[in-house]
Amino acid sequence: MSTNKEDLKNKIIYRASYRGTKEMDILMTNFVKSLIDEIDENYMKALDSFVNMDDEKLVSIKKKESSISYNDQRMLDIVIRFQNF
C-alpha cells in the first residue's frame, strides 16, 4: 500500500474515532473499519469527506431523513452502506 493511501487511511480512522460523542465514535469507527480495507484511494477520498460531515448530518443520513442527492457514485455508495450498517 502506498504511503499516501496509508496516511489517508489512518486519518480517516482517527477522525471516525474522535467525533465528540462516544456513541458516534463507536458507530463511525465500526463503520469505517468494516469497509476501509476493501476500498481504493479514490473511494477513500469520498469516505474522508463523509467522516468529516458534522454529527447532525450523519444522524440525519443514518435515519434516512436526509434528502440530499449525491452526484458522486462513491459517496452515494457510502451513504447507502452507512444507512444499512
C-alpha atoms as a PDB file:
ATOM      1  CA  MET A   1       0.000   0.000   0.000  1.00  0.00           C
ATOM      2  CA  SER A   2       1.357   3.415  -0.871  1.00  0.00           C
ATOM      3  CA  THR A   3       2.329   5.839   1.862  1.00  0.00           C
ATOM      4  CA  ASN A   4      -0.306   8.363   0.783  1.00  0.00           C
ATOM      5  CA  LYS A   5      -3.049   5.749   0.904  1.00  0.00           C
ATOM      6  CA  GLU A   6      -1.873   4.536   4.306  1.00  0.00           C
ATOM      7  CA  ASP A   7      -1.755   8.116   5.629  1.00  0.00           C
ATOM      8  CA  LEU A   8      -5.274   8.782   4.332  1.00  0.00           C
ATOM      9  CA  LYS A   9      -6.499   5.523   5.871  1.00  0.00           C
ATOM     10  CA  ASN A  10      -5.036   6.469   9.253  1.00  0.00           C
ATOM     11  CA  LYS A  11      -6.531   9.973   9.018  1.00  0.00           C
ATOM     12  CA  ILE A  12      -9.994   8.572   8.287  1.00  0.00           C
ATOM     13  CA  ILE A  13      -9.832   6.053  11.135  1.00  0.00           C
ATOM     14  CA  TYR A  14      -8.658   8.741  13.532  1.00  0.00           C
ATOM     15  CA  ARG A  15     -11.453  11.144  12.533  1.00  0.00           C
ATOM     16  CA  ALA A  16     -14.050   8.389  12.815  1.00  0.00           C
ATOM     17  CA  SER A  17     -12.775   7.540  16.295  1.00  0.00           C
ATOM     18  CA  TYR A  18     -12.772  11.044  17.778  1.00  0.00           C
ATOM     19  CA  ARG A  19     -16.037  12.745  16.857  1.00  0.00           C
ATOM     20  CA  GLY A  20     -17.073  14.204  20.195  1.00  0.00           C
ATOM     21  CA  THR A  21     -19.734  11.788  21.425  1.00  0.00           C
ATOM     22  CA  LYS A  22     -18.981   8.237  22.483  1.00  0.00           C
ATOM     23  CA  GLU A  23     -21.960   6.828  20.575  1.00  0.00           C
ATOM     24  CA  MET A  24     -20.913   8.444  17.296  1.00  0.00           C
ATOM     25  CA  ASP A  25     -17.277   7.437  17.913  1.00  0.00           C
ATOM     26  CA  ILE A  26     -18.335   3.797  18.186  1.00  0.00           C
ATOM     27  CA  LEU A  27     -20.718   3.895  15.217  1.00  0.00           C
ATOM     28  CA  MET A  28     -18.313   5.656  12.843  1.00  0.00           C
ATOM     29  CA  THR A  29     -15.258   3.637  13.899  1.00  0.00           C
ATOM     30  CA  ASN A  30     -17.064   0.343  13.341  1.00  0.00           C
ATOM     31  CA  PHE A  31     -18.495   1.541  10.032  1.00  0.00           C
ATOM     32  CA  VAL A  32     -15.153   2.787   8.709  1.00  0.00           C
ATOM     33  CA  LYS A  33     -13.285  -0.329   9.799  1.00  0.00           C
ATOM     34  CA  SER A  34     -15.907  -2.516   8.113  1.00  0.00           C
ATOM     35  CA  LEU A  35     -15.002  -1.183   4.663  1.00  0.00           C
ATOM     36  CA  ILE A  36     -11.695   0.682   4.675  1.00  0.00           C
ATOM     37  CA  ASP A  37      -9.506  -2.305   3.784  1.00  0.00           C
ATOM     38  CA  GLU A  38     -11.512  -3.140   0.666  1.00  0.00           C
ATOM     39  CA  ILE A  39     -11.648   0.287  -0.996  1.00  0.00           C
ATOM     40  CA  ASP A  40      -9.274   2.110  -3.328  1.00  0.00           C
ATOM     41  CA  GLU A  41      -7.696   5.519  -2.804  1.00  0.00           C
ATOM     42  CA  ASN A  42     -10.390   7.438  -4.727  1.00  0.00           C
ATOM     43  CA  TYR A  43     -13.099   5.776  -2.667  1.00  0.00           C
ATOM     44  CA  MET A  44     -11.122   6.673   0.474  1.00  0.00           C
ATOM     45  CA  LYS A  45     -11.236  10.340  -0.516  1.00  0.00           C
ATOM     46  CA  ALA A  46     -15.039  10.145  -0.626  1.00  0.00           C
ATOM     47  CA  LEU A  47     -15.029   8.347   2.735  1.00  0.00           C
ATOM     48  CA  ASP A  48     -12.794  11.088   4.140  1.00  0.00           C
ATOM     49  CA  SER A  49     -15.360  13.706   3.099  1.00  0.00           C
ATOM     50  CA  PHE A  50     -18.098  11.586   4.630  1.00  0.00           C
ATOM     51  CA  VAL A  51     -16.449  11.187   8.043  1.00  0.00           C
ATOM     52  CA  ASN A  52     -15.810  14.921   8.153  1.00  0.00           C
ATOM     53  CA  MET A  53     -19.516  15.748   7.972  1.00  0.00           C
ATOM     54  CA  ASP A  54     -20.999  17.076  11.200  1.00  0.00           C
ATOM     55  CA  ASP A  55     -22.750  14.644  13.527  1.00  0.00           C
ATOM     56  CA  GLU A  56     -26.233  16.061  12.948  1.00  0.00           C
ATOM     57  CA  LYS A  57     -25.875  15.485   9.211  1.00  0.00           C
ATOM     58  CA  LEU A  58     -24.631  11.934   9.743  1.00  0.00           C
ATOM     59  CA  VAL A  59     -27.512  11.129  12.090  1.00  0.00           C
ATOM     60  CA  SER A  60     -29.922  12.512   9.504  1.00  0.00           C
ATOM     61  CA  ILE A  61     -28.338  10.302   6.840  1.00  0.00           C
ATOM     62  CA  LYS A  62     -28.404   7.261   9.125  1.00  0.00           C
ATOM     63  CA  LYS A  63     -32.108   7.774   9.826  1.00  0.00           C
ATOM     64  CA  LYS A  64     -32.725   8.215   6.087  1.00  0.00           C
ATOM     65  CA  GLU A  65     -34.102  11.701   6.747  1.00  0.00           C
ATOM     66  CA  SER A  66     -31.563  13.467   4.547  1.00  0.00           C
ATOM     67  CA  SER A  67     -32.905  14.376   1.114  1.00  0.00           C
ATOM     68  CA  ILE A  68     -29.575  15.376  -0.394  1.00  0.00           C
ATOM     69  CA  SER A  69     -28.732  13.793  -3.718  1.00  0.00           C
ATOM     70  CA  TYR A  70     -25.138  12.795  -4.307  1.00  0.00           C
ATOM     71  CA  ASN A  71     -23.636  13.151  -7.769  1.00  0.00           C
ATOM     72  CA  ASP A  72     -20.572  11.124  -6.844  1.00  0.00           C
ATOM     73  CA  GLN A  73     -21.371   7.411  -7.088  1.00  0.00           C
ATOM     74  CA  ARG A  74     -18.755   6.570  -4.459  1.00  0.00           C
ATOM     75  CA  MET A  75     -20.367   8.942  -1.950  1.00  0.00           C
ATOM     76  CA  LEU A  76     -23.805   7.533  -2.754  1.00  0.00           C
ATOM     77  CA  ASP A  77     -22.472   4.022  -2.125  1.00  0.00           C
ATOM     78  CA  ILE A  78     -21.015   5.127   1.227  1.00  0.00           C
ATOM     79  CA  VAL A  79     -24.336   6.704   2.245  1.00  0.00           C
ATOM     80  CA  ILE A  80     -26.272   3.559   1.340  1.00  0.00           C
ATOM     81  CA  ARG A  81     -23.811   1.338   3.186  1.00  0.00           C
ATOM     82  CA  PHE A  82     -23.988   3.630   6.220  1.00  0.00           C
ATOM     83  CA  GLN A  83     -27.790   3.598   6.226  1.00  0.00           C
ATOM     84  CA  ASN A  84     -27.781  -0.203   6.078  1.00  0.00           C
ATOM     85  CA  PHE A  85     -24.975  -0.622   8.636  1.00  0.00           C
END
